[in-house]
Each structure stands twice: as C-alpha cells, then as structure tokens.
Amino acid sequence: MNSHYPKNGRVILHVDMNSFYASVEMASDPTLRGKPLAIAGNPQERRGIIVTCSYEARGFGVKTTMPLWEAKKLCPDLVIMTPNFDRYRAASKGIFDILRQYTELVEPVSIDEGYLDITDSFEKGTPLQIASDIQAQIKGQLDLPCSIGVAPNKFLAKTASDMKKPMGITVLRKRDIPNKLWPLPVIEMHGIGQKTAEKLNSIGIHTCSDLAHANDIQLKSLLGINGLRLKERANGTDRRNVDPESIYDYKSVGNSTTLPKDTTNQQELLIVVEELCAKVSSRLQQKDVLGTTIQLMIRDKFRKTITRSKKVANPIYKKEDLYHQAKDLFLKHWDGDPVRLLGVTAQDVVEKSEATEQLDLFSYKKVAEKEPLYNVLSKLHDKFGKDSISQGIKAKNKKKSYDQKQDTSFNKDFLRE
C-alpha cells in the first residue's frame, strides 16, 4: 500500500460539507428532501439574509448572503428555516469524530470543513480509498453529503474539494496545475476576494496562470508579502502543516448585526454599539483573552463599508471599556449617512495570563493601591498553583479533554451566537 504514497511529500485531504446547515435540516426531517430550502436569520424581518441553501434552491438562483425578499422573488416556494445552532454543532462534532478515526492529524477550519494529513495512514488504504470511505461513512452514519479534495498540500486540497459538488472526490496533483488551475479567473482561487481580484486585474493579472508567472516586485508593491504568497499558491506551493491545535488560536473576537432598517438616529445606533460590546466582552471572558486593538465597522444602505480601529494602552475586556473605545470611533468616523450594519471587534487578542499592563500617569496610582492584593495572590499562586485563583475572568480548566476543549473553542469563535 506504501506505493500509493509519496516518499518525501504529504497526502492531504480537505473535507467540505455540502450545503451544511440545509443538509443537517434535511437529515433531521426527511420531508424536506428535494425541496428548495434556505436557512436564514430573522425571516420575519427585512434584514433576513440567506445563510445557506439547498442545491434545489440554488437552481432557482438563490445564493448565500442574498436578502430574503430577493430569494422569495426568485423562488416563491422557498422553504425558510431559522438556524438551529445546537443541531449544527452536534452534527459537526459527529463529522470530526469520524475524521479522527483515520488520523490524529485533523485540523478543523470551520464548523463544516477540515484538513486531514493521511500520509502515515496507509494501513487504512490508498488515499482514494480513504477519501471514499470517509465520504461513505459520513453519509451512512449522519446522512450528510460532503466533497473531498486529495492533494499534496492544503491549498491544492481545498481547491480540489471545490471542483466537484455535491458528493465529489477530486485528486489535484502539481502536474495537474497548468490544466486545472491556471485557466481559472483569479477570483476563483482560494484566498482571493473581490477587492484583491480587482487589484490584480488592474495590473493585467486575470487568470491564475497570469498570477503564477507575475513579476515579484510588481506583486509585492501591489499586495505586500501576501502577493508573493498568492503567487506561490498559484504555482501549487503551500508549506503549511495540518495543525490540530490551530483551532485554539484566536486573533480576534467580534460581533456584528444588520439593523432592521436603515438608521440615522445616533442614540439608537450607540445603543446597538453598546449591545455589541457586551457580546464581545462576554466572549472575551469565555476565552480568557483581552483585546489590544478595537475595531468598529459601519456599513451604509449602499453597502459601502468603513472600518476604523485604535490601539489601546492596556488590554481590555470589560463592556464599558470596549464601549468607550467603540463609541469614540463611531463619533469620529460616522458621516451621518443611514447605517445598515454595525460591528465591533477586539483584535490582536492576548491571553490574560500573558497580558502586561502598561502603567502610565493616570493608572499607576490605582495599580499601586492594589499592590497588597497582588502580593497575596502571588503567595497563593506559589503555594497552590498558578490556576488556583484568578481575577476578574474565570480561570481556564487546563485538564479538559480534547473533545471538551473543542466544544468551547471550536472554530475560533463561530456559532457562539
């Protein structure tokens, strides 16, 4: 069986669930099968947006992020359901439990997709046999469809899994790149969004082949170091390892909300900002992290979006501190146009245990007053351990099993709301 595996390289799978939320609902209620189904937030309100939809709904032109009114216009018989996050989390756990039966090297990247490094799993079969077995097992046990990419690295595996949906298995080798990847428009390449594609188009880069052969200096000038990284990807190079521990890394914690109607009332908008700060604060505390940069996002009725951020002197997590910074950003940068969406994000987060307070002219007295308390805490830590007592934010339980940790920090944040 070793002959099917490379001597020096890796074999990576990317498992991508097909129309995940809709598929979970169909597995739960078989009467939904074959019907155009959409999962949407707040179906009774104007702000309802399609989160995902079945392939039957897509046949009518319904798409993710489409407003509900537009989706209903395209498909009058559209069945609309609100998200059931507990059900989706349970299904996701079942999926990753299955994946870990094939290798310990499983890296979840979202609730419905993940990478596997099966290089050392040759006793379970050839790469294609393993991919086929995984697909059949997920379908048989959970009644959920998925597509799988098989490749020598994460980028190519992700690209391959997108090529055949639903229920596809695609192998993408480096020698396949000129025929399968290079003819594609750059916007279709994983890691390139609309804005980046427009920038690349502006210098004559329209296809993945153009990007693969682009001038390094020109790319770096346009996109910085990311330009060179994208060129490497277009040539099939990706040095990232499959990292099971990456699900515990968070760089930011944020919340956003679409308003029921376009709003210009400053007081109402600030109330929304304060509510968002309360949610961000709660999640920061759950994760035992603090934010060092606060970002505010404002989107107007024309979908024009601005984001503004500011670095704070000391890492913060309390609602009132977050709101003070976010309110300041809002008052400075809101131009008075009707607002459709607001978002608040704590960025560049740090572990509470690693955060160091930067004493300044205004805070050093308060900190000095707490010095006796700090001394007592230090003695308790020395006697009973660092995690025996903590201030403000709950202490972490470092003895949690892998599955318990997964339930609390899965996806670096997602579906918590």
Protein backbone atom coordinates (compact mmCIF):
# COMPACT_ATOMS: atom_id res chain seq x y z
CA MET A 1 0.00 0.00 0.00
CA ASN A 2 3.01 2.32 0.51
CA SER A 3 3.42 2.61 -3.26
CA HIS A 4 0.37 4.87 -3.37
CA TYR A 5 2.02 7.38 -1.03
CA PRO A 6 4.90 9.77 -1.81
CA LYS A 7 8.32 9.04 -0.36
CA ASN A 8 9.01 12.63 0.67
CA GLY A 9 5.77 14.60 0.32
CA ARG A 10 2.45 14.61 2.14
CA VAL A 11 -1.07 13.44 1.32
CA ILE A 12 -3.67 15.96 2.46
CA LEU A 13 -7.44 15.69 2.34
CA HIS A 14 -9.83 18.61 2.55
CA VAL A 15 -13.33 17.56 3.61
CA ASP A 16 -16.00 20.14 2.81
CA MET A 17 -19.62 19.51 3.76
CA ASN A 18 -22.19 20.33 1.07
CA SER A 19 -24.84 22.96 1.98
CA PHE A 20 -24.15 22.03 5.58
CA TYR A 21 -26.97 23.73 7.51
CA ALA A 22 -29.57 22.78 4.91
CA SER A 23 -28.25 19.20 4.75
CA VAL A 24 -28.42 18.87 8.53
CA GLU A 25 -32.05 20.03 8.49
CA MET A 26 -32.87 17.52 5.74
CA ALA A 27 -31.20 14.73 7.70
CA SER A 28 -33.32 15.71 10.70
CA ASP A 29 -36.54 15.99 8.66
CA PRO A 30 -36.53 13.82 5.51
CA THR A 31 -39.74 15.50 4.26
CA LEU A 32 -37.54 18.47 3.32
CA ARG A 33 -35.59 16.43 0.78
CA GLY A 34 -35.93 17.63 -2.80
CA LYS A 35 -37.43 20.95 -1.72
CA PRO A 36 -35.82 24.37 -2.20
CA LEU A 37 -34.67 25.05 1.37
CA ALA A 38 -32.94 28.11 2.78
CA ILE A 39 -31.54 28.79 6.24
CA ALA A 40 -31.89 32.47 7.09
CA GLY A 41 -31.62 34.74 10.08
CA ASN A 42 -34.73 36.65 11.16
CA PRO A 43 -37.10 35.51 8.40
CA GLN A 44 -39.84 37.82 9.70
CA GLU A 45 -37.69 40.92 9.39
CA ARG A 46 -36.37 42.89 6.47
CA ARG A 47 -32.81 42.16 7.47
CA GLY A 48 -33.21 38.43 6.85
CA ILE A 49 -30.21 37.14 4.89
CA ILE A 50 -29.71 33.70 3.34
CA VAL A 51 -27.06 31.86 5.38
CA THR A 52 -27.05 28.79 3.16
CA CYS A 53 -29.46 26.99 0.87
CA SER A 54 -30.02 23.60 -0.72
CA TYR A 55 -28.93 22.77 -4.24
CA GLU A 56 -32.61 22.77 -5.24
CA ALA A 57 -32.85 26.40 -4.12
CA ARG A 58 -29.63 27.25 -5.95
CA GLY A 59 -31.28 26.00 -9.12
CA PHE A 60 -33.61 29.00 -8.87
CA GLY A 61 -30.69 31.41 -8.46
CA VAL A 62 -30.88 31.65 -4.66
CA LYS A 63 -27.45 32.36 -3.16
CA THR A 64 -25.77 32.77 0.19
CA THR A 65 -25.95 36.37 1.61
CA MET A 66 -28.92 37.17 -0.66
CA PRO A 67 -31.70 39.18 1.06
CA LEU A 68 -34.78 37.09 1.79
CA TRP A 69 -37.12 39.25 -0.25
CA GLU A 70 -34.96 38.71 -3.31
CA ALA A 71 -34.74 34.95 -2.72
CA LYS A 72 -38.54 34.70 -2.38
CA LYS A 73 -38.94 36.60 -5.61
CA LEU A 74 -36.75 34.09 -7.41
CA CYS A 75 -38.31 31.07 -5.69
CA PRO A 76 -41.85 31.66 -4.33
CA ASP A 77 -41.99 28.11 -2.91
CA LEU A 78 -38.76 28.55 -0.95
CA VAL A 79 -38.89 26.81 2.45
CA ILE A 80 -37.25 29.07 5.01
CA MET A 81 -35.91 27.91 8.38
CA THR A 82 -34.07 29.73 11.13
CA PRO A 83 -30.64 28.36 12.12
CA ASN A 84 -30.54 25.63 14.77
CA PHE A 85 -27.01 26.07 16.04
CA ASP A 86 -27.16 23.29 18.64
CA ARG A 87 -28.13 20.84 15.90
CA TYR A 88 -25.29 22.04 13.65
CA ARG A 89 -22.72 21.81 16.45
CA ALA A 90 -23.80 18.26 17.23
CA ALA A 91 -23.52 17.28 13.55
CA SER A 92 -20.11 18.93 13.30
CA LYS A 93 -18.85 17.01 16.31
CA GLY A 94 -20.05 13.80 14.69
CA ILE A 95 -18.20 14.63 11.48
CA PHE A 96 -14.89 15.34 13.19
CA ASP A 97 -15.23 12.26 15.38
CA ILE A 98 -15.37 10.25 12.15
CA LEU A 99 -12.39 12.05 10.63
CA ARG A 100 -10.24 11.32 13.68
CA GLN A 101 -10.80 7.62 13.14
CA TYR A 102 -8.49 7.88 10.12
CA THR A 103 -5.72 10.07 11.55
CA GLU A 104 -4.90 12.19 14.58
CA LEU A 105 -3.77 14.96 12.25
CA VAL A 106 -7.16 16.64 11.76
CA GLU A 107 -7.41 20.43 11.56
CA PRO A 108 -10.92 21.88 11.73
CA VAL A 109 -11.05 25.23 9.95
CA SER A 110 -14.79 25.85 10.33
CA ILE A 111 -17.86 24.04 11.53
CA ASP A 112 -18.22 22.20 8.22
CA GLU A 113 -14.73 21.75 6.81
CA GLY A 114 -11.34 20.48 7.83
CA TYR A 115 -7.98 19.13 6.69
CA LEU A 116 -6.52 15.67 7.30
CA ASP A 117 -2.91 14.60 6.85
CA ILE A 118 -3.17 10.90 5.95
CA THR A 119 0.47 10.43 4.92
CA ASP A 120 1.00 7.81 7.63
CA SER A 121 -2.44 6.22 7.31
CA PHE A 122 -1.52 3.84 4.50
CA GLU A 123 -2.66 0.83 6.53
CA LYS A 124 -6.23 2.13 6.06
CA GLY A 125 -5.99 2.01 2.28
CA THR A 126 -4.95 4.17 -0.66
CA PRO A 127 -5.69 7.91 -0.48
CA LEU A 128 -8.68 7.46 -2.79
CA GLN A 129 -9.97 4.55 -0.72
CA ILE A 130 -9.70 6.60 2.47
CA ALA A 131 -11.47 9.56 0.86
CA SER A 132 -14.21 7.26 -0.41
CA ASP A 133 -14.56 5.56 2.98
CA ILE A 134 -14.81 8.91 4.80
CA GLN A 135 -17.44 10.18 2.38
CA ALA A 136 -19.47 6.96 2.68
CA GLN A 137 -19.18 6.86 6.48
CA ILE A 138 -20.34 10.46 6.94
CA LYS A 139 -23.21 9.84 4.56
CA GLY A 140 -24.13 6.49 6.10
CA GLN A 141 -23.91 7.48 9.77
CA LEU A 142 -25.01 11.12 9.65
CA ASP A 143 -26.87 11.25 6.32
CA LEU A 144 -24.76 14.25 5.30
CA PRO A 145 -23.07 14.79 1.90
CA CYS A 146 -19.52 16.08 1.51
CA SER A 147 -16.90 16.73 -1.15
CA ILE A 148 -13.26 15.80 -0.65
CA GLY A 149 -10.07 17.09 -2.24
CA VAL A 150 -6.94 14.92 -2.32
CA ALA A 151 -3.62 16.71 -2.88
CA PRO A 152 -0.02 17.14 -1.70
CA ASN A 153 -0.79 20.29 0.30
CA LYS A 154 -3.61 22.23 1.95
CA PHE A 155 -4.14 24.80 -0.81
CA LEU A 156 -4.46 22.24 -3.57
CA ALA A 157 -6.69 20.02 -1.40
CA LYS A 158 -9.02 22.95 -0.72
CA THR A 159 -9.05 23.83 -4.41
CA ALA A 160 -9.80 20.23 -5.35
CA SER A 161 -12.73 19.87 -2.94
CA ASP A 162 -14.45 22.82 -4.64
CA MET A 163 -14.26 21.23 -8.08
CA LYS A 164 -16.99 18.61 -7.69
CA LYS A 165 -20.08 19.34 -5.59
CA PRO A 166 -22.05 17.70 -4.17
CA MET A 167 -20.52 14.35 -3.20
CA GLY A 168 -17.38 14.69 -5.28
CA ILE A 169 -13.86 13.34 -4.77
CA THR A 170 -11.15 15.14 -6.73
CA VAL A 171 -7.41 14.48 -6.92
CA LEU A 172 -5.25 17.51 -7.73
CA ARG A 173 -1.54 16.93 -8.24
CA LYS A 174 1.09 19.54 -9.01
CA ARG A 175 1.35 18.27 -12.55
CA ASP A 176 -2.38 19.00 -12.97
CA ILE A 177 -1.99 22.70 -12.17
CA PRO A 178 -1.45 24.02 -15.74
CA ASN A 179 -4.63 22.32 -16.97
CA LYS A 180 -6.92 22.54 -13.95
CA LEU A 181 -5.88 25.66 -12.02
CA TRP A 182 -4.20 28.11 -14.34
CA PRO A 183 -7.14 28.62 -16.74
CA LEU A 184 -9.37 29.82 -13.85
CA PRO A 185 -10.00 33.54 -13.21
CA VAL A 186 -8.06 34.73 -10.15
CA ILE A 187 -11.32 35.49 -8.32
CA GLU A 188 -11.95 31.72 -8.22
CA MET A 189 -8.66 30.97 -6.48
CA HIS A 190 -8.93 30.18 -2.79
CA GLY A 191 -7.62 33.13 -0.76
CA ILE A 192 -8.51 35.83 -3.29
CA GLY A 193 -11.54 38.02 -2.69
CA GLN A 194 -13.23 40.61 -4.84
CA LYS A 195 -11.01 43.52 -3.84
CA THR A 196 -7.77 41.58 -4.32
CA ALA A 197 -9.00 40.30 -7.68
CA GLU A 198 -9.77 43.86 -8.78
CA LYS A 199 -6.27 44.97 -7.79
CA LEU A 200 -4.72 42.09 -9.70
CA ASN A 201 -6.91 42.81 -12.73
CA SER A 202 -5.70 46.43 -12.66
CA ILE A 203 -2.15 45.27 -13.50
CA GLY A 204 -3.23 42.77 -16.13
CA ILE A 205 -3.46 39.66 -13.97
CA HIS A 206 -6.76 37.99 -14.86
CA THR A 207 -6.11 34.25 -14.64
CA CYS A 208 -4.29 32.02 -12.20
CA SER A 209 -1.72 31.47 -14.93
CA ASP A 210 -1.10 35.23 -15.07
CA LEU A 211 -0.59 35.21 -11.31
CA ALA A 212 1.72 32.19 -11.40
CA HIS A 213 4.01 33.98 -13.86
CA ALA A 214 3.67 37.53 -12.47
CA ASN A 215 6.59 39.80 -11.61
CA ASP A 216 7.58 39.50 -7.92
CA ILE A 217 8.43 43.17 -7.48
CA GLN A 218 5.15 44.28 -9.01
CA LEU A 219 3.16 41.86 -6.86
CA LYS A 220 4.88 42.89 -3.65
CA SER A 221 4.34 46.55 -4.47
CA LEU A 222 0.64 45.92 -5.04
CA LEU A 223 -0.21 43.46 -2.26
CA GLY A 224 2.82 43.30 0.00
CA ILE A 225 4.12 39.92 1.15
CA ASN A 226 0.68 38.43 0.50
CA GLY A 227 1.21 39.00 -3.22
CA LEU A 228 4.22 36.69 -3.22
CA ARG A 229 2.32 34.13 -1.13
CA LEU A 230 -0.54 34.12 -3.63
CA LYS A 231 1.92 33.59 -6.47
CA GLU A 232 3.32 30.57 -4.64
CA ARG A 233 -0.21 29.20 -4.24
CA ALA A 234 -0.88 29.70 -7.96
CA ASN A 235 2.20 27.56 -8.61
CA GLY A 236 0.92 24.90 -6.23
CA THR A 237 3.27 25.64 -3.34
CA ASP A 238 1.91 25.62 0.22
CA ARG A 239 4.19 24.81 3.15
CA ARG A 240 1.55 24.92 5.89
CA ASN A 241 1.22 21.80 8.01
CA VAL A 242 -2.06 20.30 9.14
CA ASP A 243 -2.21 21.59 12.72
CA PRO A 244 -4.84 20.10 15.07
CA GLU A 245 -4.01 22.75 17.68
CA SER A 246 -4.83 25.70 15.43
CA ILE A 247 -8.49 25.61 16.50
CA TYR A 248 -7.38 27.12 19.79
CA ASP A 249 -5.80 30.19 18.19
CA TYR A 250 -7.87 33.34 18.16
CA LYS A 251 -6.60 36.59 16.74
CA SER A 252 -9.87 38.47 17.13
CA VAL A 253 -13.27 38.26 18.78
CA GLY A 254 -16.10 40.23 17.22
CA ASN A 255 -19.82 40.66 16.69
CA SER A 256 -21.82 42.43 14.02
CA THR A 257 -25.51 42.93 13.36
CA THR A 258 -27.63 44.06 10.45
CA LEU A 259 -30.22 46.62 11.56
CA PRO A 260 -33.96 46.03 10.87
CA LYS A 261 -33.98 49.27 8.87
CA ASP A 262 -31.58 51.97 7.71
CA THR A 263 -30.97 54.18 10.74
CA THR A 264 -29.68 57.71 11.23
CA ASN A 265 -30.67 58.13 14.89
CA GLN A 266 -27.38 58.47 16.75
CA GLN A 267 -28.79 57.38 20.10
CA GLU A 268 -30.26 54.20 18.62
CA LEU A 269 -27.01 53.41 16.84
CA LEU A 270 -24.97 53.86 20.00
CA ILE A 271 -27.31 51.52 21.85
CA VAL A 272 -26.55 48.88 19.20
CA VAL A 273 -22.81 49.54 19.58
CA GLU A 274 -23.13 49.07 23.35
CA GLU A 275 -25.03 45.79 22.90
CA LEU A 276 -22.32 44.53 20.55
CA CYS A 277 -19.64 45.46 23.09
CA ALA A 278 -21.50 43.46 25.74
CA LYS A 279 -21.44 40.36 23.49
CA VAL A 280 -17.77 40.81 22.64
CA SER A 281 -16.96 41.26 26.34
CA SER A 282 -18.78 38.05 27.22
CA ARG A 283 -16.90 36.06 24.62
CA LEU A 284 -13.54 37.54 25.59
CA GLN A 285 -14.20 36.40 29.15
CA GLN A 286 -15.21 32.93 28.00
CA LYS A 287 -11.90 32.65 26.16
CA ASP A 288 -9.77 34.25 28.89
CA VAL A 289 -8.36 36.76 26.40
CA LEU A 290 -8.15 40.54 26.15
CA GLY A 291 -8.16 42.87 23.17
CA THR A 292 -5.35 45.27 22.41
CA THR A 293 -6.99 46.87 19.36
CA ILE A 294 -10.65 47.80 18.98
CA GLN A 295 -12.22 47.94 15.52
CA LEU A 296 -15.57 49.43 14.52
CA MET A 297 -17.30 48.55 11.25
CA ILE A 298 -20.03 50.72 9.71
CA ARG A 299 -21.92 49.76 6.56
CA ASP A 300 -24.39 52.18 4.97
CA LYS A 301 -27.54 51.47 2.97
CA PHE A 302 -25.50 51.39 -0.23
CA ARG A 303 -23.31 48.61 1.27
CA LYS A 304 -20.32 50.90 1.46
CA THR A 305 -18.25 49.68 4.41
CA ILE A 306 -15.70 51.52 6.51
CA THR A 307 -13.61 50.00 9.30
CA ARG A 308 -11.69 52.07 11.79
CA SER A 309 -9.56 50.85 14.66
CA LYS A 310 -7.45 52.13 17.51
CA LYS A 311 -4.78 50.59 19.70
CA VAL A 312 -5.48 50.76 23.43
CA ALA A 313 -2.84 51.50 26.04
CA ASN A 314 -3.80 48.47 28.16
CA PRO A 315 -5.51 45.25 27.02
CA ILE A 316 -9.24 45.34 27.78
CA TYR A 317 -12.23 43.00 28.02
CA LYS A 318 -14.88 44.83 30.08
CA LYS A 319 -18.01 46.03 28.29
CA GLU A 320 -17.65 49.62 29.48
CA ASP A 321 -14.03 49.80 28.29
CA LEU A 322 -14.91 48.33 24.90
CA TYR A 323 -17.86 50.69 24.55
CA HIS A 324 -15.75 53.73 25.45
CA GLN A 325 -13.35 52.94 22.60
CA ALA A 326 -16.02 51.90 20.09
CA LYS A 327 -18.19 54.93 20.83
CA ASP A 328 -15.20 57.22 20.31
CA LEU A 329 -14.53 55.60 16.92
CA PHE A 330 -18.19 55.89 15.95
CA LEU A 331 -18.49 59.58 16.82
CA LYS A 332 -15.27 60.37 14.96
CA HIS A 333 -15.96 58.45 11.77
CA TRP A 334 -19.72 58.21 11.23
CA ASP A 335 -20.64 60.68 8.48
CA GLY A 336 -24.36 60.77 9.28
CA ASP A 337 -25.47 58.55 6.39
CA PRO A 338 -28.11 55.88 7.11
CA VAL A 339 -26.49 52.83 8.74
CA ARG A 340 -27.44 49.26 7.79
CA LEU A 341 -24.83 47.24 9.72
CA LEU A 342 -22.59 47.76 12.73
CA GLY A 343 -19.76 45.60 14.02
CA VAL A 344 -17.34 45.69 16.96
CA THR A 345 -14.20 43.54 17.10
CA ALA A 346 -11.46 43.13 19.68
CA GLN A 347 -8.33 42.44 17.67
CA ASP A 348 -4.78 41.26 18.39
CA VAL A 349 -6.07 39.43 21.44
CA VAL A 350 -3.70 38.16 24.10
CA GLU A 351 -4.06 35.54 26.80
CA LYS A 352 -4.99 37.17 30.09
CA SER A 353 -2.08 35.43 31.79
CA GLU A 354 0.29 36.97 29.27
CA ALA A 355 -1.14 40.49 29.26
CA THR A 356 1.01 43.14 30.91
CA GLU A 357 -0.50 46.42 31.94
CA GLN A 358 1.33 49.47 30.64
CA LEU A 359 1.48 51.82 33.60
CA ASP A 360 1.02 55.45 32.76
CA LEU A 361 0.49 58.78 34.53
CA PHE A 362 -3.21 58.08 35.02
CA SER A 363 -3.23 54.42 36.03
CA TYR A 364 -0.16 53.86 38.15
CA LYS A 365 -1.82 55.09 41.39
CA LYS A 366 -4.74 52.68 41.03
CA VAL A 367 -2.38 49.83 40.34
CA ALA A 368 -0.19 50.79 43.27
CA GLU A 369 -3.24 50.72 45.57
CA LYS A 370 -3.80 47.07 44.54
CA GLU A 371 -0.21 46.05 45.27
CA PRO A 372 -1.08 44.35 48.61
CA LEU A 373 -3.72 42.27 46.80
CA TYR A 374 -1.22 41.30 44.12
CA ASN A 375 1.22 40.17 46.80
CA VAL A 376 -1.42 37.94 48.41
CA LEU A 377 -2.35 36.46 45.01
CA SER A 378 1.29 35.81 44.25
CA LYS A 379 1.73 33.88 47.50
CA LEU A 380 -1.42 31.83 46.82
CA HIS A 381 -0.17 31.01 43.33
CA ASP A 382 3.20 29.94 44.72
CA LYS A 383 1.56 27.67 47.30
CA PHE A 384 -1.38 26.21 45.37
CA GLY A 385 -0.52 26.75 41.73
CA LYS A 386 -0.94 29.45 39.10
CA ASP A 387 -4.53 28.46 38.27
CA SER A 388 -5.76 28.22 41.87
CA ILE A 389 -7.26 31.73 41.86
CA SER A 390 -7.68 34.46 39.29
CA GLN A 391 -9.01 37.98 39.00
CA GLY A 392 -11.98 39.14 37.02
CA ILE A 393 -12.04 36.40 34.39
CA LYS A 394 -12.67 32.75 35.12
CA ALA A 395 -9.59 30.55 35.23
CA LYS A 396 -9.05 28.05 32.46
CA ASN A 397 -9.50 24.36 33.09
CA LYS A 398 -6.31 23.06 31.60
CA LYS A 399 -7.27 19.43 32.27
CA LYS A 400 -10.12 19.36 29.77
CA SER A 401 -10.16 16.55 27.30
CA TYR A 402 -9.74 17.25 23.59
CA ASP A 403 -13.48 16.95 22.93
CA GLN A 404 -14.39 19.24 25.82
CA LYS A 405 -12.00 21.88 24.59
CA GLN A 406 -13.42 21.54 21.12
CA ASP A 407 -16.95 22.28 22.34
CA THR A 408 -15.93 25.57 23.96
CA SER A 409 -13.45 26.97 21.46
CA PHE A 410 -14.42 25.28 18.21
CA ASN A 411 -13.89 27.38 15.08
CA LYS A 412 -12.08 30.08 16.95
CA ASP A 413 -15.44 31.63 17.59
CA PHE A 414 -18.12 30.52 15.43
CA LEU A 415 -21.73 29.84 16.01
CA ARG A 416 -21.44 31.03 19.57
CA GLU A 417 -24.24 33.50 18.85
